[in-house]
N, C-alpha and C. Protein backbone atom coordinates (compact mmCIF):
# COMPACT_ATOMS: atom_id res chain seq x y z
N UNK A 1 96.04 115.37 105.98
CA UNK A 1 97.05 114.44 106.37
C UNK A 1 97.04 114.81 107.87
N UNK A 2 96.93 114.49 109.24
CA UNK A 2 96.97 114.97 110.63
C UNK A 2 98.20 114.96 110.88
N UNK A 3 98.42 115.70 111.68
CA UNK A 3 99.66 116.29 112.36
C UNK A 3 100.27 115.21 112.95
N UNK A 4 99.26 114.04 114.01
CA UNK A 4 99.94 112.71 114.73
C UNK A 4 100.13 111.85 114.00
N UNK A 5 101.82 111.42 114.56
CA UNK A 5 102.31 110.24 113.63
C UNK A 5 101.97 108.87 113.67
N UNK A 6 101.55 108.11 112.88
CA UNK A 6 101.39 106.80 112.95
C UNK A 6 101.60 105.98 113.58
N UNK A 7 101.44 105.25 114.57
CA UNK A 7 102.56 104.32 115.71
C UNK A 7 101.27 102.99 115.67
N UNK A 8 100.84 102.41 114.78
CA UNK A 8 100.17 101.26 114.82
C UNK A 8 100.92 100.22 115.12
N UNK A 9 100.68 98.88 115.18
CA UNK A 9 101.14 97.80 115.37
C UNK A 9 101.65 97.44 113.79
N UNK A 10 100.32 97.66 113.08
CA UNK A 10 100.19 97.34 111.18
C UNK A 10 101.88 98.07 110.74
N UNK A 11 101.66 99.33 110.96
CA UNK A 11 102.75 100.29 110.33
C UNK A 11 104.51 99.85 110.89
N UNK A 12 103.97 99.45 112.23
CA UNK A 12 104.99 99.26 112.58
C UNK A 12 105.98 97.93 111.38
N UNK A 13 105.22 96.88 111.44
CA UNK A 13 105.16 95.28 111.13
C UNK A 13 105.53 95.84 109.36
N UNK A 14 105.32 96.87 109.11
CA UNK A 14 105.33 97.15 107.48
C UNK A 14 106.58 97.66 107.59
N UNK A 15 106.79 98.73 108.26
CA UNK A 15 108.36 98.80 108.37
C UNK A 15 109.34 97.88 108.37
N UNK A 16 108.82 97.22 109.26
CA UNK A 16 109.96 95.70 109.59
C UNK A 16 110.30 94.93 108.41
N UNK A 17 109.37 94.72 107.81
CA UNK A 17 108.99 93.91 106.75
C UNK A 17 109.80 94.47 105.58
N UNK A 18 109.78 95.34 105.22
CA UNK A 18 110.17 96.49 103.95
C UNK A 18 111.73 96.64 104.56
N UNK A 19 112.39 97.07 105.78
CA UNK A 19 113.97 96.74 106.09
C UNK A 19 114.56 95.16 105.84
N UNK A 20 113.69 94.43 106.39
CA UNK A 20 114.02 92.80 106.16
C UNK A 20 114.01 92.76 104.70
N UNK A 21 113.07 93.41 103.88
CA UNK A 21 113.37 92.45 102.43
C UNK A 21 114.58 93.17 101.69
N UNK A 22 114.53 94.91 102.12
CA UNK A 22 116.14 96.05 101.57
C UNK A 22 117.27 94.73 102.06
N UNK A 23 117.27 94.54 103.47
CA UNK A 23 118.19 93.77 103.84
C UNK A 23 118.78 92.72 103.19
N UNK A 24 117.74 91.70 102.74
CA UNK A 24 118.16 90.52 102.32
C UNK A 24 118.26 90.52 100.92
N UNK A 25 117.84 91.56 100.13
CA UNK A 25 118.39 91.82 98.55
C UNK A 25 120.01 92.42 98.74
N UNK A 26 119.98 93.18 99.38
CA UNK A 26 121.77 93.44 100.51
C UNK A 26 122.34 92.48 100.26
N UNK A 27 121.96 91.38 100.93
CA UNK A 27 122.78 89.74 101.16
C UNK A 27 123.07 89.18 99.88
N UNK A 28 121.80 89.06 99.33
CA UNK A 28 121.67 88.40 98.06
C UNK A 28 122.38 88.92 96.81
N UNK A 29 122.72 90.01 96.90
CA UNK A 29 124.03 91.33 96.17
C UNK A 29 124.97 90.63 96.26
N UNK A 30 125.47 90.48 97.56
CA UNK A 30 126.72 90.70 97.78
C UNK A 30 127.13 88.99 97.76
N UNK A 31 126.32 88.33 97.87
CA UNK A 31 126.70 86.68 97.83
C UNK A 31 127.16 86.64 96.11
N UNK A 32 126.32 87.28 95.19
CA UNK A 32 126.59 86.69 93.90
C UNK A 32 127.55 87.85 93.57
N UNK A 33 128.12 88.31 93.91
CA UNK A 33 129.53 89.31 93.44
C UNK A 33 130.79 88.71 93.97
N UNK A 34 130.76 88.01 95.53
CA UNK A 34 131.71 87.16 95.77
C UNK A 34 131.87 86.20 95.42
N UNK A 35 130.61 85.49 94.75
CA UNK A 35 130.92 84.22 93.58
C UNK A 35 131.28 84.40 92.55
N UNK A 36 130.91 85.99 91.96
CA UNK A 36 131.41 85.98 90.47
C UNK A 36 133.15 86.11 90.48
N UNK A 37 133.45 87.10 91.66
CA UNK A 37 134.77 87.36 91.77
C UNK A 37 135.76 86.03 91.85
N UNK A 38 135.20 84.94 92.54
CA UNK A 38 135.94 83.63 92.80
C UNK A 38 135.77 82.93 91.99
N UNK A 39 134.95 83.33 90.89
CA UNK A 39 134.84 82.59 89.21
C UNK A 39 135.87 83.14 88.49
N UNK A 40 136.26 84.68 88.31
CA UNK A 40 136.85 84.90 87.75
C UNK A 40 138.60 85.32 87.89
N UNK A 41 138.80 84.98 89.70
CA UNK A 41 140.11 84.56 90.03
C UNK A 41 140.70 83.46 89.57
N UNK A 42 139.41 82.61 89.35
CA UNK A 42 140.36 81.07 88.94
C UNK A 42 140.60 81.07 87.57
N UNK A 43 140.00 81.66 86.67
CA UNK A 43 140.48 81.84 85.31
C UNK A 43 141.69 82.76 84.79
N UNK A 44 142.55 81.43 83.84
CA UNK A 44 143.70 82.50 83.89
C UNK A 44 143.95 83.29 82.71
N UNK A 45 144.48 84.23 82.97
CA UNK A 45 144.38 85.54 81.96
C UNK A 45 144.90 84.61 80.55
N UNK A 46 144.40 85.50 79.16
CA UNK A 46 145.10 84.63 78.06
C UNK A 46 146.42 85.61 77.76
N UNK A 47 147.21 84.39 76.95
CA UNK A 47 148.58 84.42 76.48
C UNK A 47 148.73 85.51 75.41
N UNK A 48 149.50 86.36 75.80
CA UNK A 48 149.78 87.45 74.65
C UNK A 48 149.43 87.03 72.82
N UNK A 49 149.91 85.85 72.39
CA UNK A 49 149.51 85.27 70.97
C UNK A 49 147.81 85.07 71.27
N UNK A 50 146.95 85.19 72.12
CA UNK A 50 145.73 84.56 71.79
C UNK A 50 145.16 85.90 72.60
N UNK A 51 145.87 86.80 72.74
CA UNK A 51 144.42 88.06 73.16
C UNK A 51 144.26 89.04 71.73
N UNK A 52 142.81 89.32 72.27
CA UNK A 52 142.47 90.49 71.29
C UNK A 52 143.66 91.44 70.57
N UNK A 53 142.84 91.57 69.48
CA UNK A 53 143.77 92.64 68.70
C UNK A 53 143.13 94.19 69.30
N UNK A 54 143.84 94.93 69.98
CA UNK A 54 143.19 96.64 69.70
C UNK A 54 144.69 97.41 69.38
N UNK A 55 143.84 98.37 69.16
CA UNK A 55 144.38 99.75 68.30
C UNK A 55 145.52 100.45 69.72
């Protein structure tokens, strides 16, 4: 490898595309998490008579 950093346009574009993909995945995960929390918030907890038996 050379000691000179590669500052070509293609390298910068590849880094930007990678960062955009990671950012998009993070946003999608956050939206799924919020949706899941909202769905669980609407569920009513089971009554003690209907709760599963535990030790």
